[in-house]
Amino acid sequence: MSQRIVFWFSDTGGGHRSAAEAVIEALKAKHGEQVEPVMVDAIKQYAPPPFNRSAEWYAKVSNRRPWEWGLSYYVTNGLRRFQLTQLLLWPYIRSSMRRAVRENPADLYVSVHPILARLTMVYPRTRPPVVTVVTDAVTGHISWFAPEVDACVVATERARQIGLRYGMPASKLRVIGMPVSARFSQPFGDKVELRQKLGWGAEKPVVLIVGGGEGVGPLHEITQALSFARLECEVAVVCGRNQKLHARLQASEWNLPVHAYGFVRDMPDFMRAADVLVTKAGPGTIAEAFIAGLPMILYSRLPGQEEGNVAYVLDEGAGVWAPKPDLVVNALRHWLGSDSRELRRAAVNARRLARPNASQDIADFLASYLDLPSNT
């Protein structure tokens, strides 16, 4: 008989869903039909209005008014402030959250969302184990660290220290890594062959510019700045679902080779074939770049939760911070021109920080609560 694992998540940012999917992938690969993983968007399916529209609000605010998100992050990110927020909201959402638990019985609950970890408040006293998998790599909001859960998995030692600061028992904190799809951890293959497959040249360095699944950020402006500077490189821009940006890039004339893509499913090959990644400071993308040994130029960060990601990449020598297109140009000119040794050092540092087995290690940790035998 299979054992049921319910993953609480919400699409307030793509990282929660992708983290859950990566761990589920690892669980199924090792345990097959012995486990029955189920993903439940508890906020969309169960939260009362207007909280059930949090994903829409998050997408709009994080992309267009990040200062508004930052304000809400900092206002609630303190022990007394967060406790007050809970006291005010709990009477309104209590019955909905109890229904979420009642309608989704499990042998193990896993939360990959900060607020949903607090569902422990509604579990009966004789409840199944509850584990939180924190999907913010460094700067975790206090809401992630519910001391009532059985364990809390974090990606870095810095995140563990924050958990301790917010009252999480040391015995419940485990540093394992950021879960990413197994596709990113496959053998690299030959870089020249990958570039041929993608239609890229083999002579010049390739700069990969990404803006997440929605293709947000100054991707066109950065590409334009690289073109004006006539840097000796090729550029690949992944626009995601941003069809307007994709069409605009394709219609423009450039002073260097520019390859524009919409939503792609072979991002691991893109990262393995590139020499530099230009990206926002999302934790999942950074973890994937570490595995690929890909130096990073970070052009934006979400206030609060992504600020620590920038500091971590810079402190560890795996990338630079360049919040304006001209700063991206300067960083690339430095790396690709006068000091290629620094670029190579950044690649080495990225590989040093990689945790390619994190998803499987997290899956194994979860399985330990169920005493599941391995299929292998």
Protein backbone atom coordinates (compact mmCIF):
# COMPACT_ATOMS: atom_id res chain seq x y z
CA MET A 1 0.00 0.00 0.00
CA SER A 2 1.42 3.39 -0.99
CA GLN A 3 1.94 6.11 1.58
CA ARG A 4 0.45 9.51 0.91
CA ILE A 5 2.63 12.63 1.05
CA VAL A 6 0.82 15.95 0.76
CA PHE A 7 2.93 18.90 -0.44
CA TRP A 8 1.46 22.25 0.57
CA PHE A 9 2.42 24.92 -1.96
CA SER A 10 1.25 28.14 -3.58
CA ASP A 11 2.09 29.79 -6.88
CA THR A 12 3.21 32.97 -5.15
CA GLY A 13 6.42 32.75 -7.16
CA GLY A 14 7.43 29.82 -9.32
CA GLY A 15 9.97 28.44 -6.86
CA HIS A 16 7.47 26.73 -4.54
CA ARG A 17 5.89 24.60 -7.25
CA SER A 18 9.21 23.70 -8.93
CA ALA A 19 10.78 22.73 -5.59
CA ALA A 20 7.88 20.40 -4.79
CA GLU A 21 8.03 18.88 -8.28
CA ALA A 22 11.79 18.27 -7.97
CA VAL A 23 11.41 16.44 -4.66
CA ILE A 24 8.44 14.43 -5.94
CA GLU A 25 10.48 13.47 -9.00
CA ALA A 26 13.22 12.14 -6.73
CA LEU A 27 10.76 10.30 -4.50
CA LYS A 28 9.09 8.57 -7.44
CA ALA A 29 12.43 7.68 -9.03
CA LYS A 30 13.51 5.79 -5.92
CA HIS A 31 10.27 4.54 -4.40
CA GLY A 32 7.87 4.29 -7.33
CA GLU A 33 4.37 3.19 -6.35
CA GLN A 34 5.33 2.96 -2.69
CA VAL A 35 4.59 6.69 -2.40
CA GLU A 36 1.62 8.78 -3.48
CA PRO A 37 2.76 12.42 -3.61
CA VAL A 38 -0.02 14.99 -3.92
CA MET A 39 0.44 18.72 -4.48
CA VAL A 40 -2.20 20.98 -2.92
CA ASP A 41 -2.35 24.73 -3.56
CA ALA A 42 -3.87 25.41 -0.18
CA ILE A 43 -4.08 29.18 -0.64
CA LYS A 44 -5.86 29.11 -4.00
CA GLN A 45 -8.11 26.15 -3.14
CA TYR A 46 -8.95 26.87 0.49
CA ALA A 47 -8.07 30.39 1.66
CA PRO A 48 -11.01 32.82 1.95
CA PRO A 49 -11.14 35.97 -0.21
CA PRO A 50 -9.04 37.99 -0.85
CA PHE A 51 -6.22 35.65 0.23
CA ASN A 52 -7.16 33.05 -2.38
CA ARG A 53 -5.91 35.54 -5.00
CA SER A 54 -2.48 35.92 -3.41
CA ALA A 55 -0.71 34.42 -6.44
CA GLU A 56 -2.16 37.12 -8.72
CA TRP A 57 -1.20 39.85 -6.27
CA TYR A 58 2.31 38.49 -5.86
CA ALA A 59 2.91 38.30 -9.62
CA LYS A 60 1.74 41.86 -10.15
CA VAL A 61 3.55 43.38 -7.20
CA SER A 62 6.85 41.49 -7.51
CA ASN A 63 7.15 42.39 -11.20
CA ARG A 64 5.81 45.96 -11.25
CA ARG A 65 5.97 47.31 -7.70
CA PRO A 66 8.67 45.35 -5.85
CA TRP A 67 8.92 48.08 -3.19
CA GLU A 68 5.36 47.17 -2.14
CA TRP A 69 6.38 43.55 -1.65
CA GLY A 70 9.48 44.65 0.24
CA LEU A 71 7.36 46.77 2.56
CA SER A 72 5.06 43.87 3.42
CA TYR A 73 8.09 41.59 3.88
CA TYR A 74 9.86 43.85 6.37
CA VAL A 75 6.72 44.94 8.24
CA THR A 76 5.93 41.30 9.13
CA ASN A 77 9.49 39.97 9.48
CA GLY A 78 9.89 40.19 13.24
CA LEU A 79 8.78 37.88 16.04
CA ARG A 80 6.25 40.20 17.70
CA ARG A 81 5.05 41.69 14.40
CA PHE A 82 4.50 38.27 12.88
CA GLN A 83 2.72 37.00 16.00
CA LEU A 84 0.41 40.02 15.85
CA THR A 85 -0.30 39.34 12.17
CA GLN A 86 -1.17 35.74 13.01
CA LEU A 87 -3.50 36.77 15.82
CA LEU A 88 -5.34 39.19 13.55
CA LEU A 89 -5.71 36.82 10.60
CA TRP A 90 -6.22 33.49 12.32
CA PRO A 91 -9.92 33.87 13.23
CA TYR A 92 -10.70 34.64 9.57
CA ILE A 93 -8.78 31.76 7.98
CA ARG A 94 -9.03 29.09 10.70
CA SER A 95 -12.04 27.20 9.37
CA SER A 96 -10.67 27.19 5.81
CA MET A 97 -7.32 25.80 6.90
CA ARG A 98 -8.97 23.13 8.99
CA ARG A 99 -10.96 22.10 5.92
CA ALA A 100 -7.71 21.91 3.90
CA VAL A 101 -6.24 19.45 6.41
CA ARG A 102 -9.47 17.48 6.78
CA GLU A 103 -9.86 17.02 3.01
CA ASN A 104 -6.21 16.08 2.45
CA PRO A 105 -5.22 13.29 4.85
CA ALA A 106 -1.62 12.11 4.60
CA ASP A 107 1.09 9.96 6.15
CA LEU A 108 3.48 12.91 5.83
CA TYR A 109 2.93 16.63 5.23
CA VAL A 110 5.58 18.72 3.47
CA SER A 111 5.31 22.50 3.19
CA VAL A 112 7.30 24.31 0.51
CA HIS A 113 5.61 27.62 1.34
CA PRO A 114 6.28 29.78 4.43
CA ILE A 115 2.74 30.53 5.51
CA LEU A 116 1.49 26.99 4.91
CA ALA A 117 4.04 25.53 7.30
CA ARG A 118 1.86 27.12 9.98
CA LEU A 119 -0.94 24.69 9.15
CA THR A 120 0.48 22.71 12.07
CA MET A 121 -1.69 24.98 14.21
CA VAL A 122 -4.80 23.12 13.03
CA TYR A 123 -3.55 19.51 13.11
CA PRO A 124 -4.92 17.19 15.79
CA ARG A 125 -2.56 16.27 18.57
CA THR A 126 -1.91 12.84 17.06
CA ARG A 127 -0.85 14.15 13.65
CA PRO A 128 1.46 12.76 10.96
CA PRO A 129 4.98 14.20 10.67
CA VAL A 130 5.26 17.71 9.19
CA VAL A 131 8.43 18.88 7.39
CA THR A 132 9.15 22.31 5.95
CA VAL A 133 11.42 22.64 2.89
CA VAL A 134 12.52 26.28 2.73
CA THR A 135 12.77 27.55 -0.85
CA ASP A 136 14.50 30.83 0.00
CA ALA A 137 18.19 30.00 -0.18
CA VAL A 138 19.59 32.51 2.28
CA THR A 139 17.24 35.20 3.59
CA GLY A 140 14.29 33.31 5.00
CA HIS A 141 11.28 35.19 6.36
CA ILE A 142 10.32 34.35 9.94
CA SER A 143 7.14 32.67 8.67
CA TRP A 144 9.25 29.76 7.35
CA PHE A 145 10.42 28.79 10.81
CA ALA A 146 7.49 27.25 12.67
CA PRO A 147 9.00 25.51 15.72
CA GLU A 148 6.02 23.13 15.89
CA VAL A 149 7.06 21.21 12.75
CA ASP A 150 9.11 18.02 13.02
CA ALA A 151 11.94 19.26 10.78
CA CYS A 152 12.93 22.21 8.65
CA VAL A 153 15.20 21.72 5.61
CA VAL A 154 17.26 24.72 4.45
CA ALA A 155 19.61 25.27 1.53
CA THR A 156 22.59 26.98 3.20
CA GLU A 157 24.29 27.46 6.53
CA ARG A 158 23.29 31.12 6.38
CA ALA A 159 19.64 30.12 6.21
CA ARG A 160 20.15 27.79 9.19
CA GLN A 161 21.56 30.66 11.23
CA ILE A 162 18.50 32.77 10.41
CA GLY A 163 16.27 29.91 11.51
CA LEU A 164 18.11 29.72 14.82
CA ARG A 165 17.74 33.48 15.25
CA TYR A 166 13.97 33.17 14.79
CA GLY A 167 13.65 30.48 17.45
CA MET A 168 13.79 27.29 15.41
CA PRO A 169 15.31 24.47 17.53
CA ALA A 170 18.75 23.50 16.22
CA SER A 171 17.76 19.82 16.34
CA LYS A 172 15.04 20.45 13.75
CA LEU A 173 17.16 22.34 11.21
CA ARG A 174 18.86 20.39 8.41
CA VAL A 175 21.13 21.96 5.76
CA ILE A 176 20.63 19.90 2.60
CA GLY A 177 20.36 22.26 -0.37
CA MET A 178 17.91 23.74 -2.85
CA PRO A 179 15.81 21.15 -4.72
CA VAL A 180 16.04 21.38 -8.52
CA SER A 181 14.96 19.02 -11.27
CA ALA A 182 17.20 16.01 -11.93
CA ARG A 183 17.66 17.27 -15.50
CA PHE A 184 20.13 19.85 -14.20
CA SER A 185 22.27 17.17 -12.56
CA GLN A 186 22.67 14.90 -15.59
CA PRO A 187 26.14 14.45 -17.20
CA PHE A 188 27.09 17.59 -19.09
CA GLY A 189 28.06 16.13 -22.45
CA ASP A 190 30.29 17.92 -24.93
CA LYS A 191 29.96 21.73 -24.90
CA VAL A 192 30.77 22.07 -28.60
CA GLU A 193 28.09 19.53 -29.51
CA LEU A 194 25.56 21.30 -27.29
CA ARG A 195 26.26 24.59 -29.06
CA GLN A 196 25.88 22.95 -32.45
CA LYS A 197 22.55 21.50 -31.32
CA LEU A 198 21.38 24.94 -30.19
CA GLY A 199 22.71 26.72 -33.28
CA TRP A 200 25.31 28.73 -31.39
CA GLY A 201 28.83 29.40 -32.60
CA ALA A 202 31.88 27.76 -31.05
CA GLU A 203 34.40 30.60 -31.29
CA LYS A 204 32.94 33.35 -29.08
CA PRO A 205 31.76 33.24 -25.47
CA VAL A 206 27.98 32.93 -25.09
CA VAL A 207 26.08 35.15 -22.64
CA LEU A 208 22.76 33.66 -21.53
CA ILE A 209 20.16 36.21 -20.38
CA VAL A 210 17.04 34.98 -18.57
CA GLY A 211 14.06 36.53 -16.82
CA GLY A 212 12.27 33.55 -15.32
CA GLY A 213 9.28 31.77 -16.76
CA GLU A 214 7.46 35.06 -17.38
CA GLY A 215 10.43 36.78 -19.04
CA VAL A 216 10.36 39.81 -16.76
CA GLY A 217 13.10 42.37 -16.23
CA PRO A 218 15.19 44.61 -18.51
CA LEU A 219 16.13 41.81 -20.91
CA HIS A 220 15.79 43.94 -24.04
CA GLU A 221 17.67 46.86 -22.49
CA ILE A 222 20.55 44.60 -21.44
CA THR A 223 20.73 43.01 -24.90
CA GLN A 224 20.66 46.45 -26.48
CA ALA A 225 23.49 47.66 -24.25
CA LEU A 226 25.63 44.63 -25.18
CA SER A 227 24.93 45.30 -28.86
CA PHE A 228 25.91 48.97 -28.61
CA ALA A 229 29.13 47.99 -26.82
CA ARG A 230 29.93 45.51 -29.62
CA LEU A 231 31.30 42.98 -27.17
CA GLU A 232 33.01 39.91 -28.60
CA CYS A 233 30.31 37.43 -27.65
CA GLU A 234 27.06 35.80 -28.69
CA VAL A 235 23.87 36.42 -26.74
CA ALA A 236 21.02 34.00 -26.03
CA VAL A 237 17.89 35.52 -24.48
CA VAL A 238 15.16 33.32 -22.99
CA CYS A 239 11.92 35.31 -22.90
CA GLY A 240 9.73 32.66 -21.28
CA ARG A 241 6.04 33.37 -21.79
CA ASN A 242 6.71 37.03 -22.67
CA GLN A 243 5.69 36.84 -26.33
CA LYS A 244 5.89 40.62 -26.80
CA LEU A 245 9.54 40.66 -25.71
CA HIS A 246 10.32 37.64 -27.90
CA ALA A 247 8.84 39.34 -30.97
CA ARG A 248 10.64 42.60 -30.20
CA LEU A 249 14.01 40.89 -29.91
CA GLN A 250 13.48 39.00 -33.14
CA ALA A 251 12.49 42.15 -35.00
CA SER A 252 15.50 44.19 -33.84
CA GLU A 253 18.85 44.52 -35.58
CA TRP A 254 21.95 43.76 -33.56
CA ASN A 255 25.69 44.34 -33.77
CA LEU A 256 26.39 40.83 -32.49
CA PRO A 257 24.71 37.42 -32.82
CA VAL A 258 21.50 37.35 -30.75
CA HIS A 259 19.37 34.20 -30.34
CA ALA A 260 15.90 34.87 -28.93
CA TYR A 261 13.75 32.10 -27.44
CA GLY A 262 10.31 31.85 -25.93
CA PHE A 263 9.52 29.33 -23.20
CA VAL A 264 12.11 26.53 -23.33
CA ARG A 265 12.21 23.09 -21.73
CA ASP A 266 15.91 22.38 -22.26
CA MET A 267 17.30 25.05 -19.93
CA PRO A 268 19.93 22.62 -18.55
CA ASP A 269 21.51 22.46 -22.02
CA PHE A 270 21.37 26.25 -22.33
CA MET A 271 23.25 26.62 -19.06
CA ARG A 272 25.83 23.95 -19.90
CA ALA A 273 26.53 25.51 -23.29
CA ALA A 274 26.81 29.13 -22.06
CA ASP A 275 29.78 30.88 -20.47
CA VAL A 276 28.00 33.55 -18.40
CA LEU A 277 24.48 33.80 -16.99
CA VAL A 278 22.73 37.17 -16.63
CA THR A 279 19.73 36.72 -14.34
CA LYS A 280 17.61 38.02 -11.51
CA ALA A 281 18.56 36.65 -8.10
CA GLY A 282 16.00 33.85 -7.86
CA PRO A 283 17.18 30.98 -5.64
CA GLY A 284 16.24 28.18 -8.04
CA THR A 285 18.06 29.71 -11.00
CA ILE A 286 21.12 30.37 -8.85
CA ALA A 287 21.16 26.75 -7.64
CA GLU A 288 20.89 25.53 -11.25
CA ALA A 289 23.73 27.83 -12.31
CA PHE A 290 25.93 26.49 -9.50
CA ILE A 291 25.43 22.95 -10.80
CA ALA A 292 26.38 24.08 -14.32
CA GLY A 293 29.45 25.93 -13.00
CA LEU A 294 28.08 29.08 -14.61
CA PRO A 295 29.31 32.50 -13.40
CA MET A 296 26.49 34.95 -12.80
CA ILE A 297 25.76 38.61 -13.32
CA LEU A 298 22.73 39.46 -11.15
CA TYR A 299 20.67 42.40 -12.42
CA SER A 300 17.75 42.50 -9.96
CA ARG A 301 16.56 41.12 -6.64
CA LEU A 302 13.26 41.06 -4.84
CA PRO A 303 13.47 43.10 -1.61
CA GLY A 304 13.82 40.94 1.46
CA GLN A 305 13.92 37.31 0.38
CA GLU A 306 16.39 37.67 -2.52
CA GLU A 307 18.81 40.15 -0.99
CA GLY A 308 20.67 37.40 0.79
CA ASN A 309 21.06 35.51 -2.49
CA VAL A 310 23.02 38.41 -3.98
CA ALA A 311 25.27 38.69 -0.94
CA TYR A 312 25.89 34.93 -0.98
CA VAL A 313 26.88 34.84 -4.68
CA LEU A 314 29.17 37.87 -4.27
CA ASP A 315 30.76 36.76 -1.01
CA GLU A 316 31.52 33.33 -2.44
CA GLY A 317 33.03 34.79 -5.62
CA ALA A 318 30.55 33.15 -8.00
CA GLY A 319 29.21 36.32 -9.60
CA VAL A 320 28.72 40.09 -9.52
CA TRP A 321 25.89 42.55 -8.89
CA ALA A 322 25.03 44.80 -11.86
CA PRO A 323 21.59 46.42 -11.47
CA LYS A 324 21.85 48.55 -14.63
CA PRO A 325 22.51 47.56 -18.27
CA ASP A 326 25.74 49.59 -18.45
CA LEU A 327 27.02 47.80 -15.34
CA VAL A 328 26.27 44.45 -17.01
CA VAL A 329 28.34 45.63 -19.99
CA ASN A 330 31.22 46.67 -17.71
CA ALA A 331 31.18 43.33 -15.90
CA LEU A 332 31.21 41.37 -19.15
CA ARG A 333 33.90 43.55 -20.67
CA HIS A 334 36.04 42.83 -17.62
CA TRP A 335 35.37 39.09 -17.60
CA LEU A 336 35.58 38.49 -21.34
CA GLY A 337 38.45 40.86 -22.00
CA SER A 338 41.19 41.88 -19.63
CA ASP A 339 40.64 39.38 -16.84
CA SER A 340 39.37 36.03 -18.08
CA ARG A 341 41.10 34.44 -15.08
CA GLU A 342 38.48 36.04 -12.85
CA LEU A 343 35.74 34.50 -14.98
CA ARG A 344 37.35 31.08 -14.59
CA ARG A 345 37.61 31.58 -10.83
CA ALA A 346 33.91 32.46 -10.68
CA ALA A 347 33.11 29.24 -12.56
CA VAL A 348 35.18 27.22 -10.09
CA ASN A 349 33.44 28.90 -7.15
CA ALA A 350 30.01 28.22 -8.66
CA ARG A 351 30.81 24.50 -8.97
CA ARG A 352 32.11 24.49 -5.39
CA LEU A 353 28.74 25.76 -4.13
CA ALA A 354 26.70 23.26 -6.16
CA ARG A 355 24.54 20.65 -4.46
CA PRO A 356 23.47 18.51 -7.42
CA ASN A 357 22.04 15.76 -5.20
CA ALA A 358 19.90 18.05 -3.03
CA SER A 359 16.54 16.88 -4.38
CA GLN A 360 17.39 13.22 -3.82
CA ASP A 361 18.87 13.95 -0.39
CA ILE A 362 15.69 15.79 0.61
CA ALA A 363 13.57 12.94 -0.74
CA ASP A 364 15.62 10.44 1.28
CA PHE A 365 15.19 12.57 4.39
CA LEU A 366 11.42 12.66 3.90
CA ALA A 367 11.32 8.92 3.27
CA SER A 368 13.05 8.34 6.59
CA TYR A 369 9.83 9.47 8.30
CA LEU A 370 7.95 6.69 6.50
CA ASP A 371 10.56 3.90 6.68
CA LEU A 372 10.22 3.26 2.97
CA PRO A 373 12.47 0.55 1.48
CA SER A 374 14.34 1.47 -1.68
CA ASN A 375 13.38 -0.02 -5.04
CA THR A 376 17.06 -0.18 -6.02
